[in-house]
Each structure stands twice: as structure tokens, then as C-alpha cells.
Amino acid sequence: MKVAKVIGNIWATRKEQRLAGFKLLILQPINIIDGSLDEVPIVATDTIGAGVGETVIYVGGSSARTASGDKSNPVDASVVGIVDDQDIDASVLKKA
């Protein structure tokens, strides 16, 4: 699982039939420790009703297909949780 910020939506009137009914979000992966940007934005299916501006947990690969409800869906990433808060013990982090 990874963490990202929802930065937008994508609408596609013509798409693979198995994607019909899925809400598509644009996610900006972030570093959970310091909130910095991590990687390039990605497109993910929304399985829980997340919205722009929320911090979410997402999965990729076969986990994303399973989360979408059908392992044959052409899905590479799926949102599976909305982060309410986080607490990180800084004492266990490696010092640079």
C-alpha cells in the first residue's frame, strides 16, 4: 500500500467496457514521512468515494484488480482507504 493526495478527476466517456461505472481519480503519490512528492501522478479507480484534496491509501497490481471487484479488470491502481490522521515515531527514523 502507498499514500497519495487526490489532485483531480478523469472522465472518459469511451473506455474499456469493464471500467464502466468506475470513478477515476488522479493521485499524486507522497512520501508518508515528510509529505514530499514521490513519483509522477497516476490514475486510479476509486472504490470508496474519495475526493479531491483528500489523502488516500492506494494499492497497485493484482491487489488493485482485486479491490476493483474483478481480477480481470484492466486496473493498475485502486484507492482503498482515506487517511484521517497519522502518527509517526520520529525516533525510529534513520538520521541523515
PDB file of N, CA and C in Angstrom:
ATOM      1  N   MET A   1       0.836  -1.179   0.000  1.00  0.00           N
ATOM      2  CA  MET A   1       0.000   0.000   0.000  1.00  0.00           C
ATOM      3  C   MET A   1       0.879   1.239   0.000  1.00  0.00           C
ATOM      4  N   LYS A   2       0.368   2.264  -0.630  1.00  0.00           N
ATOM      5  CA  LYS A   2       1.074   3.535  -0.705  1.00  0.00           C
ATOM      6  C   LYS A   2       0.105   4.659  -0.357  1.00  0.00           C
ATOM      7  N   VAL A   3       0.664   5.851  -0.141  1.00  0.00           N
ATOM      8  CA  VAL A   3      -0.139   7.018   0.223  1.00  0.00           C
ATOM      9  C   VAL A   3      -0.037   8.062  -0.880  1.00  0.00           C
ATOM     10  N   ALA A   4      -1.166   8.741  -1.149  1.00  0.00           N
ATOM     11  CA  ALA A   4      -1.195   9.769  -2.188  1.00  0.00           C
ATOM     12  C   ALA A   4      -2.215  10.833  -1.828  1.00  0.00           C
ATOM     13  N   LYS A   5      -2.108  11.972  -2.506  1.00  0.00           N
ATOM     14  CA  LYS A   5      -3.080  13.047  -2.396  1.00  0.00           C
ATOM     15  C   LYS A   5      -3.908  13.016  -3.680  1.00  0.00           C
ATOM     16  N   VAL A   6      -5.234  13.099  -3.548  1.00  0.00           N
ATOM     17  CA  VAL A   6      -6.103  13.158  -4.724  1.00  0.00           C
ATOM     18  C   VAL A   6      -6.016  14.570  -5.281  1.00  0.00           C
ATOM     19  N   ILE A   7      -5.545  14.685  -6.533  1.00  0.00           N
ATOM     20  CA  ILE A   7      -5.364  16.019  -7.125  1.00  0.00           C
ATOM     21  C   ILE A   7      -6.334  16.290  -8.276  1.00  0.00           C
ATOM     22  N   GLY A   8      -7.162  15.314  -8.630  1.00  0.00           N
ATOM     23  CA  GLY A   8      -8.111  15.567  -9.705  1.00  0.00           C
ATOM     24  C   GLY A   8      -8.932  14.343 -10.076  1.00  0.00           C
ATOM     25  N   ASN A   9      -9.822  14.561 -11.037  1.00  0.00           N
ATOM     26  CA  ASN A   9     -10.687  13.510 -11.577  1.00  0.00           C
ATOM     27  C   ASN A   9     -10.419  13.360 -13.067  1.00  0.00           C
ATOM     28  N   ILE A  10     -10.749  12.206 -13.590  1.00  0.00           N
ATOM     29  CA  ILE A  10     -10.689  11.983 -15.040  1.00  0.00           C
ATOM     30  C   ILE A  10     -12.030  11.419 -15.473  1.00  0.00           C
ATOM     31  N   TRP A  11     -12.576  11.969 -16.541  1.00  0.00           N
ATOM     32  CA  TRP A  11     -13.799  11.449 -17.125  1.00  0.00           C
ATOM     33  C   TRP A  11     -13.470  10.913 -18.497  1.00  0.00           C
ATOM     34  N   ALA A  12     -13.953   9.721 -18.801  1.00  0.00           N
ATOM     35  CA  ALA A  12     -13.736   9.104 -20.105  1.00  0.00           C
ATOM     36  C   ALA A  12     -15.052   8.472 -20.545  1.00  0.00           C
ATOM     37  N   THR A  13     -15.689   9.084 -21.538  1.00  0.00           N
ATOM     38  CA  THR A  13     -16.973   8.541 -21.989  1.00  0.00           C
ATOM     39  C   THR A  13     -16.780   7.262 -22.791  1.00  0.00           C
ATOM     40  N   ARG A  14     -15.637   7.127 -23.441  1.00  0.00           N
ATOM     41  CA  ARG A  14     -15.310   5.893 -24.164  1.00  0.00           C
ATOM     42  C   ARG A  14     -14.134   5.240 -23.466  1.00  0.00           C
ATOM     43  N   LYS A  15     -14.380   4.030 -22.971  1.00  0.00           N
ATOM     44  CA  LYS A  15     -13.329   3.307 -22.258  1.00  0.00           C
ATOM     45  C   LYS A  15     -13.610   1.815 -22.326  1.00  0.00           C
ATOM     46  N   GLU A  16     -12.647   1.028 -21.910  1.00  0.00           N
ATOM     47  CA  GLU A  16     -12.800  -0.419 -21.824  1.00  0.00           C
ATOM     48  C   GLU A  16     -14.099  -0.732 -21.080  1.00  0.00           C
ATOM     49  N   GLN A  17     -14.877  -1.632 -21.616  1.00  0.00           N
ATOM     50  CA  GLN A  17     -16.195  -1.947 -21.073  1.00  0.00           C
ATOM     51  C   GLN A  17     -16.163  -2.317 -19.586  1.00  0.00           C
ATOM     52  N   ARG A  18     -15.112  -3.002 -19.157  1.00  0.00           N
ATOM     53  CA  ARG A  18     -15.032  -3.426 -17.751  1.00  0.00           C
ATOM     54  C   ARG A  18     -14.764  -2.259 -16.797  1.00  0.00           C
ATOM     55  N   LEU A  19     -14.461  -1.078 -17.337  1.00  0.00           N
ATOM     56  CA  LEU A  19     -14.262   0.111 -16.497  1.00  0.00           C
ATOM     57  C   LEU A  19     -15.538   0.934 -16.338  1.00  0.00           C
ATOM     58  N   ALA A  20     -16.612   0.515 -16.993  1.00  0.00           N
ATOM     59  CA  ALA A  20     -17.885   1.237 -16.893  1.00  0.00           C
ATOM     60  C   ALA A  20     -18.319   1.296 -15.427  1.00  0.00           C
ATOM     61  N   GLY A  21     -18.707   2.468 -14.987  1.00  0.00           N
ATOM     62  CA  GLY A  21     -19.176   2.643 -13.616  1.00  0.00           C
ATOM     63  C   GLY A  21     -18.091   3.005 -12.617  1.00  0.00           C
ATOM     64  N   PHE A  22     -16.834   2.954 -13.028  1.00  0.00           N
ATOM     65  CA  PHE A  22     -15.753   3.309 -12.113  1.00  0.00           C
ATOM     66  C   PHE A  22     -15.484   4.805 -12.151  1.00  0.00           C
ATOM     67  N   LYS A  23     -15.323   5.411 -10.972  1.00  0.00           N
ATOM     68  CA  LYS A  23     -14.864   6.792 -10.863  1.00  0.00           C
ATOM     69  C   LYS A  23     -13.340   6.730 -10.948  1.00  0.00           C
ATOM     70  N   LEU A  24     -12.750   7.593 -11.756  1.00  0.00           N
ATOM     71  CA  LEU A  24     -11.298   7.618 -11.932  1.00  0.00           C
ATOM     72  C   LEU A  24     -10.720   8.882 -11.312  1.00  0.00           C
ATOM     73  N   LEU A  25      -9.673   8.707 -10.517  1.00  0.00           N
ATOM     74  CA  LEU A  25      -9.024   9.818  -9.827  1.00  0.00           C
ATOM     75  C   LEU A  25      -7.585   9.971 -10.283  1.00  0.00           C
ATOM     76  N   ILE A  26      -7.066  11.192 -10.201  1.00  0.00           N
ATOM     77  CA  ILE A  26      -5.640  11.441 -10.427  1.00  0.00           C
ATOM     78  C   ILE A  26      -5.011  11.559  -9.042  1.00  0.00           C
ATOM     79  N   LEU A  27      -4.017  10.710  -8.794  1.00  0.00           N
ATOM     80  CA  LEU A  27      -3.339  10.685  -7.498  1.00  0.00           C
ATOM     81  C   LEU A  27      -1.907  11.156  -7.630  1.00  0.00           C
ATOM     82  N   GLN A  28      -1.458  11.948  -6.671  1.00  0.00           N
ATOM     83  CA  GLN A  28      -0.054  12.334  -6.569  1.00  0.00           C
ATOM     84  C   GLN A  28       0.536  11.562  -5.393  1.00  0.00           C
ATOM     85  N   PRO A  29       1.329  10.512  -5.683  1.00  0.00           N
ATOM     86  CA  PRO A  29       1.964   9.777  -4.579  1.00  0.00           C
ATOM     87  C   PRO A  29       2.819  10.715  -3.728  1.00  0.00           C
ATOM     88  N   ILE A  30       2.791  10.488  -2.419  1.00  0.00           N
ATOM     89  CA  ILE A  30       3.565  11.319  -1.496  1.00  0.00           C
ATOM     90  C   ILE A  30       4.379  10.443  -0.555  1.00  0.00           C
ATOM     91  N   ASN A  31       5.436  11.038  -0.035  1.00  0.00           N
ATOM     92  CA  ASN A  31       6.257  10.383   0.970  1.00  0.00           C
ATOM     93  C   ASN A  31       5.519  10.532   2.299  1.00  0.00           C
ATOM     94  N   ILE A  32       5.151   9.428   2.909  1.00  0.00           N
ATOM     95  CA  ILE A  32       4.346   9.466   4.129  1.00  0.00           C
ATOM     96  C   ILE A  32       5.088  10.119   5.300  1.00  0.00           C
ATOM     97  N   ILE A  33       6.412  10.098   5.282  1.00  0.00           N
ATOM     98  CA  ILE A  33       7.199  10.661   6.388  1.00  0.00           C
ATOM     99  C   ILE A  33       7.168  12.188   6.393  1.00  0.00           C
ATOM    100  N   ASP A  34       7.442  12.796   5.223  1.00  0.00           N
ATOM    101  CA  ASP A  34       7.542  14.260   5.203  1.00  0.00           C
ATOM    102  C   ASP A  34       6.541  14.954   4.276  1.00  0.00           C
ATOM    103  N   GLY A  35       5.703  14.187   3.588  1.00  0.00           N
ATOM    104  CA  GLY A  35       4.688  14.777   2.719  1.00  0.00           C
ATOM    105  C   GLY A  35       5.194  15.264   1.379  1.00  0.00           C
ATOM    106  N   SER A  36       6.473  15.027   1.082  1.00  0.00           N
ATOM    107  CA  SER A  36       7.021  15.472  -0.201  1.00  0.00           C
ATOM    108  C   SER A  36       6.473  14.619  -1.343  1.00  0.00           C
ATOM    109  N   LEU A  37       6.518  15.184  -2.552  1.00  0.00           N
ATOM    110  CA  LEU A  37       6.043  14.459  -3.730  1.00  0.00           C
ATOM    111  C   LEU A  37       6.945  13.262  -3.991  1.00  0.00           C
ATOM    112  N   ASP A  38       6.329  12.171  -4.415  1.00  0.00           N
ATOM    113  CA  ASP A  38       7.024  10.915  -4.609  1.00  0.00           C
ATOM    114  C   ASP A  38       6.502  10.318  -5.913  1.00  0.00           C
ATOM    115  N   GLU A  39       7.301  10.294  -6.956  1.00  0.00           N
ATOM    116  CA  GLU A  39       6.893   9.758  -8.257  1.00  0.00           C
ATOM    117  C   GLU A  39       6.032  10.759  -9.030  1.00  0.00           C
ATOM    118  N   VAL A  40       5.546  10.313 -10.180  1.00  0.00           N
ATOM    119  CA  VAL A  40       4.676  11.138 -11.019  1.00  0.00           C
ATOM    120  C   VAL A  40       3.216  10.796 -10.709  1.00  0.00           C
ATOM    121  N   PRO A  41       2.275  11.699 -11.013  1.00  0.00           N
ATOM    122  CA  PRO A  41       0.858  11.394 -10.768  1.00  0.00           C
ATOM    123  C   PRO A  41       0.406  10.152 -11.535  1.00  0.00           C
ATOM    124  N   ILE A  42      -0.590   9.466 -10.970  1.00  0.00           N
ATOM    125  CA  ILE A  42      -1.139   8.257 -11.598  1.00  0.00           C
ATOM    126  C   ILE A  42      -2.659   8.346 -11.622  1.00  0.00           C
ATOM    127  N   VAL A  43      -3.281   7.472 -12.409  1.00  0.00           N
ATOM    128  CA  VAL A  43      -4.733   7.351 -12.454  1.00  0.00           C
ATOM    129  C   VAL A  43      -5.116   6.089 -11.688  1.00  0.00           C
ATOM    130  N   ALA A  44      -6.147   6.197 -10.849  1.00  0.00           N
ATOM    131  CA  ALA A  44      -6.591   5.053 -10.050  1.00  0.00           C
ATOM    132  C   ALA A  44      -8.114   4.995 -10.021  1.00  0.00           C
ATOM    133  N   THR A  45      -8.648   3.794  -9.877  1.00  0.00           N
ATOM    134  CA  THR A  45     -10.082   3.660  -9.658  1.00  0.00           C
ATOM    135  C   THR A  45     -10.374   3.997  -8.202  1.00  0.00           C
ATOM    136  N   ASP A  46     -11.562   4.550  -7.977  1.00  0.00           N
ATOM    137  CA  ASP A  46     -11.971   4.921  -6.624  1.00  0.00           C
ATOM    138  C   ASP A  46     -13.013   3.925  -6.148  1.00  0.00           C
ATOM    139  N   THR A  47     -12.663   3.111  -5.173  1.00  0.00           N
ATOM    140  CA  THR A  47     -13.589   2.091  -4.674  1.00  0.00           C
ATOM    141  C   THR A  47     -14.342   2.535  -3.425  1.00  0.00           C
ATOM    142  N   ILE A  48     -14.030   3.740  -2.901  1.00  0.00           N
ATOM    143  CA  ILE A  48     -14.616   4.131  -1.619  1.00  0.00           C
ATOM    144  C   ILE A  48     -15.223   5.537  -1.566  1.00  0.00           C
ATOM    145  N   GLY A  49     -15.147   6.294  -2.640  1.00  0.00           N
ATOM    146  CA  GLY A  49     -15.745   7.625  -2.648  1.00  0.00           C
ATOM    147  C   GLY A  49     -14.849   8.743  -2.171  1.00  0.00           C
ATOM    148  N   ALA A  50     -13.561   8.677  -2.489  1.00  0.00           N
ATOM    149  CA  ALA A  50     -12.616   9.735  -2.116  1.00  0.00           C
ATOM    150  C   ALA A  50     -12.827  10.962  -2.999  1.00  0.00           C
ATOM    151  N   GLY A  51     -12.336  12.100  -2.512  1.00  0.00           N
ATOM    152  CA  GLY A  51     -12.493  13.337  -3.263  1.00  0.00           C
ATOM    153  C   GLY A  51     -11.197  14.120  -3.362  1.00  0.00           C
ATOM    154  N   VAL A  52     -11.194  15.118  -4.230  1.00  0.00           N
ATOM    155  CA  VAL A  52     -10.031  15.966  -4.445  1.00  0.00           C
ATOM    156  C   VAL A  52      -9.617  16.613  -3.126  1.00  0.00           C
ATOM    157  N   GLY A  53      -8.308  16.592  -2.855  1.00  0.00           N
ATOM    158  CA  GLY A  53      -7.759  17.183  -1.652  1.00  0.00           C
ATOM    159  C   GLY A  53      -7.559  16.191  -0.519  1.00  0.00           C
ATOM    160  N   GLU A  54      -8.161  15.012  -0.621  1.00  0.00           N
ATOM    161  CA  GLU A  54      -8.015  14.026   0.455  1.00  0.00           C
ATOM    162  C   GLU A  54      -6.726  13.228   0.287  1.00  0.00           C
ATOM    163  N   THR A  55      -6.183  12.785   1.410  1.00  0.00           N
ATOM    164  CA  THR A  55      -5.041  11.887   1.424  1.00  0.00           C
ATOM    165  C   THR A  55      -5.605  10.474   1.473  1.00  0.00           C
ATOM    166  N   VAL A  56      -5.117   9.613   0.580  1.00  0.00           N
ATOM    167  CA  VAL A  56      -5.677   8.270   0.455  1.00  0.00           C
ATOM    168  C   VAL A  56      -4.596   7.200   0.497  1.00  0.00           C
ATOM    169  N   ILE A  57      -5.032   5.979   0.747  1.00  0.00           N
ATOM    170  CA  ILE A  57      -4.187   4.798   0.642  1.00  0.00           C
ATOM    171  C   ILE A  57      -4.602   4.100  -0.639  1.00  0.00           C
ATOM    172  N   TYR A  58      -3.615   3.712  -1.455  1.00  0.00           N
ATOM    173  CA  TYR A  58      -3.943   3.003  -2.692  1.00  0.00           C
ATOM    174  C   TYR A  58      -3.053   1.779  -2.846  1.00  0.00           C
ATOM    175  N   VAL A  59      -3.543   0.846  -3.638  1.00  0.00           N
ATOM    176  CA  VAL A  59      -2.802  -0.377  -3.933  1.00  0.00           C
ATOM    177  C   VAL A  59      -2.623  -0.487  -5.433  1.00  0.00           C
ATOM    178  N   GLY A  60      -1.625  -1.263  -5.846  1.00  0.00           N
ATOM    179  CA  GLY A  60      -1.354  -1.456  -7.256  1.00  0.00           C
ATOM    180  C   GLY A  60      -1.319  -2.930  -7.630  1.00  0.00           C
ATOM    181  N   GLY A  61      -1.195  -3.175  -8.922  1.00  0.00           N
ATOM    182  CA  GLY A  61      -1.056  -4.540  -9.419  1.00  0.00           C
ATOM    183  C   GLY A  61      -2.271  -5.408  -9.168  1.00  0.00           C
ATOM    184  N   SER A  62      -2.028  -6.673  -8.818  1.00  0.00           N
ATOM    185  CA  SER A  62      -3.140  -7.612  -8.621  1.00  0.00           C
ATOM    186  C   SER A  62      -4.023  -7.190  -7.448  1.00  0.00           C
ATOM    187  N   SER A  63      -3.451  -6.517  -6.454  1.00  0.00           N
ATOM    188  CA  SER A  63      -4.262  -6.013  -5.332  1.00  0.00           C
ATOM    189  C   SER A  63      -5.270  -4.976  -5.819  1.00  0.00           C
ATOM    190  N   ALA A  64      -4.870  -4.152  -6.785  1.00  0.00           N
ATOM    191  CA  ALA A  64      -5.775  -3.139  -7.341  1.00  0.00           C
ATOM    192  C   ALA A  64      -6.911  -3.802  -8.111  1.00  0.00           C
ATOM    193  N   ARG A  65      -6.603  -4.835  -8.859  1.00  0.00           N
ATOM    194  CA  ARG A  65      -7.649  -5.550  -9.595  1.00  0.00           C
ATOM    195  C   ARG A  65      -8.618  -6.221  -8.633  1.00  0.00           C
ATOM    196  N   THR A  66      -8.100  -6.808  -7.572  1.00  0.00           N
ATOM    197  CA  THR A  66      -8.957  -7.442  -6.571  1.00  0.00           C
ATOM    198  C   THR A  66      -9.848  -6.398  -5.903  1.00  0.00           C
ATOM    199  N   ALA A  67      -9.277  -5.248  -5.556  1.00  0.00           N
ATOM    200  CA  ALA A  67     -10.049  -4.183  -4.912  1.00  0.00           C
ATOM    201  C   ALA A  67     -11.155  -3.657  -5.817  1.00  0.00           C
ATOM    202  N   SER A  68     -10.934  -3.724  -7.134  1.00  0.00           N
ATOM    203  CA  SER A  68     -11.942  -3.239  -8.078  1.00  0.00           C
ATOM    204  C   SER A  68     -13.112  -4.211  -8.211  1.00  0.00           C
ATOM    205  N   GLY A  69     -12.976  -5.391  -7.609  1.00  0.00           N
ATOM    206  CA  GLY A  69     -14.083  -6.333  -7.603  1.00  0.00           C
ATOM    207  C   GLY A  69     -13.986  -7.473  -8.594  1.00  0.00           C
ATOM    208  N   ASP A  70     -13.007  -7.427  -9.494  1.00  0.00           N
ATOM    209  CA  ASP A  70     -12.867  -8.468 -10.510  1.00  0.00           C
ATOM    210  C   ASP A  70     -11.408  -8.513 -10.945  1.00  0.00           C
ATOM    211  N   LYS A  71     -10.769  -9.650 -10.749  1.00  0.00           N
ATOM    212  CA  LYS A  71      -9.346  -9.775 -11.073  1.00  0.00           C
ATOM    213  C   LYS A  71      -9.047  -9.628 -12.562  1.00  0.00           C
ATOM    214  N   SER A  72     -10.080  -9.630 -13.404  1.00  0.00           N
ATOM    215  CA  SER A  72      -9.839  -9.469 -14.844  1.00  0.00           C
ATOM    216  C   SER A  72      -9.973  -8.010 -15.292  1.00  0.00           C
ATOM    217  N   ASN A  73     -10.316  -7.100 -14.368  1.00  0.00           N
ATOM    218  CA  ASN A  73     -10.439  -5.679 -14.730  1.00  0.00           C
ATOM    219  C   ASN A  73      -9.071  -5.103 -15.103  1.00  0.00           C
ATOM    220  N   PRO A  74      -9.033  -4.251 -16.121  1.00  0.00           N
ATOM    221  CA  PRO A  74      -7.767  -3.628 -16.531  1.00  0.00           C
ATOM    222  C   PRO A  74      -7.418  -2.437 -15.630  1.00  0.00           C
ATOM    223  N   VAL A  75      -7.096  -2.728 -14.370  1.00  0.00           N
ATOM    224  CA  VAL A  75      -6.847  -1.698 -13.371  1.00  0.00           C
ATOM    225  C   VAL A  75      -5.432  -1.859 -12.842  1.00  0.00           C
ATOM    226  N   ASP A  76      -4.715  -0.749 -12.740  1.00  0.00           N
ATOM    227  CA  ASP A  76      -3.339  -0.754 -12.248  1.00  0.00           C
ATOM    228  C   ASP A  76      -3.211  -0.179 -10.845  1.00  0.00           C
ATOM    229  N   ALA A  77      -4.196   0.635 -10.414  1.00  0.00           N
ATOM    230  CA  ALA A  77      -4.177   1.235  -9.078  1.00  0.00           C
ATOM    231  C   ALA A  77      -5.608   1.468  -8.614  1.00  0.00           C
ATOM    232  N   SER A  78      -5.862   1.215  -7.332  1.00  0.00           N
ATOM    233  CA  SER A  78      -7.190   1.431  -6.744  1.00  0.00           C
ATOM    234  C   SER A  78      -7.053   2.076  -5.366  1.00  0.00           C
ATOM    235  N   VAL A  79      -7.910   3.066  -5.113  1.00  0.00           N
ATOM    236  CA  VAL A  79      -7.958   3.692  -3.797  1.00  0.00           C
ATOM    237  C   VAL A  79      -8.737   2.764  -2.870  1.00  0.00           C
ATOM    238  N   VAL A  80      -8.152   2.457  -1.705  1.00  0.00           N
ATOM    239  CA  VAL A  80      -8.791   1.532  -0.763  1.00  0.00           C
ATOM    240  C   VAL A  80      -9.019   2.136   0.621  1.00  0.00           C
ATOM    241  N   GLY A  81      -8.562   3.359   0.852  1.00  0.00           N
ATOM    242  CA  GLY A  81      -8.765   3.981   2.151  1.00  0.00           C
ATOM    243  C   GLY A  81      -8.541   5.480   2.109  1.00  0.00           C
ATOM    244  N   ILE A  82      -9.202   6.190   3.013  1.00  0.00           N
ATOM    245  CA  ILE A  82      -9.000   7.632   3.169  1.00  0.00           C
ATOM    246  C   ILE A  82      -8.303   7.837   4.517  1.00  0.00           C
ATOM    247  N   VAL A  83      -7.186   8.548   4.495  1.00  0.00           N
ATOM    248  CA  VAL A  83      -6.393   8.768   5.705  1.00  0.00           C
ATOM    249  C   VAL A  83      -7.044   9.874   6.534  1.00  0.00           C
ATOM    250  N   ASP A  84      -7.373   9.546   7.780  1.00  0.00           N
ATOM    251  CA  ASP A  84      -7.918  10.545   8.704  1.00  0.00           C
ATOM    252  C   ASP A  84      -6.796  11.290   9.406  1.00  0.00           C
ATOM    253  N   ASP A  85      -5.765  10.553   9.806  1.00  0.00           N
ATOM    254  CA  ASP A  85      -4.647  11.120  10.548  1.00  0.00           C
ATOM    255  C   ASP A  85      -3.510  10.120  10.518  1.00  0.00           C
ATOM    256  N   GLN A  86      -2.339  10.545  10.921  1.00  0.00           N
ATOM    257  CA  GLN A  86      -1.204   9.636  11.032  1.00  0.00           C
ATOM    258  C   GLN A  86      -0.323  10.097  12.172  1.00  0.00           C
ATOM    259  N   ASP A  87       0.407   9.151  12.743  1.00  0.00           N
ATOM    260  CA  ASP A  87       1.305   9.443  13.846  1.00  0.00           C
ATOM    261  C   ASP A  87       2.565   8.623  13.606  1.00  0.00           C
ATOM    262  N   ILE A  88       3.694   9.286  13.441  1.00  0.00           N
ATOM    263  CA  ILE A  88       4.955   8.609  13.138  1.00  0.00           C
ATOM    264  C   ILE A  88       5.945   8.881  14.259  1.00  0.00           C
ATOM    265  N   ASP A  89       6.555   7.832  14.779  1.00  0.00           N
ATOM    266  CA  ASP A  89       7.572   7.933  15.829  1.00  0.00           C
ATOM    267  C   ASP A  89       8.894   8.326  15.178  1.00  0.00           C
ATOM    268  N   ALA A  90       9.233   9.589  15.234  1.00  0.00           N
ATOM    269  CA  ALA A  90      10.447  10.101  14.598  1.00  0.00           C
ATOM    270  C   ALA A  90      11.730   9.496  15.166  1.00  0.00           C
ATOM    271  N   SER A  91      11.674   8.958  16.360  1.00  0.00           N
ATOM    272  CA  SER A  91      12.889   8.400  16.975  1.00  0.00           C
ATOM    273  C   SER A  91      13.367   7.131  16.271  1.00  0.00           C
ATOM    274  N   VAL A  92      12.519   6.496  15.510  1.00  0.00           N
ATOM    275  CA  VAL A  92      12.934   5.269  14.814  1.00  0.00           C
ATOM    276  C   VAL A  92      13.433   5.545  13.396  1.00  0.00           C
ATOM    277  N   LEU A  93      13.314   6.773  12.937  1.00  0.00           N
ATOM    278  CA  LEU A  93      13.781   7.137  11.607  1.00  0.00           C
ATOM    279  C   LEU A  93      15.294   7.263  11.601  1.00  0.00           C
ATOM    280  N   LYS A  94      15.910   6.835  10.500  1.00  0.00           N
ATOM    281  CA  LYS A  94      17.365   6.953  10.374  1.00  0.00           C
ATOM    282  C   LYS A  94      17.761   8.408  10.282  1.00  0.00           C
ATOM    283  N   LYS A  95      18.818   8.774  10.956  1.00  0.00           N
ATOM    284  CA  LYS A  95      19.345  10.138  10.887  1.00  0.00           C
ATOM    285  C   LYS A  95      20.212  10.255   9.644  1.00  0.00           C
ATOM    286  N   ALA A  96      20.049  11.336   8.907  1.00  0.00           N
ATOM    287  CA  ALA A  96      20.822  11.538   7.665  1.00  0.00           C
ATOM    288  C   ALA A  96      22.227  11.988   7.959  1.00  0.00           C
TER     289      ALA A  96
END
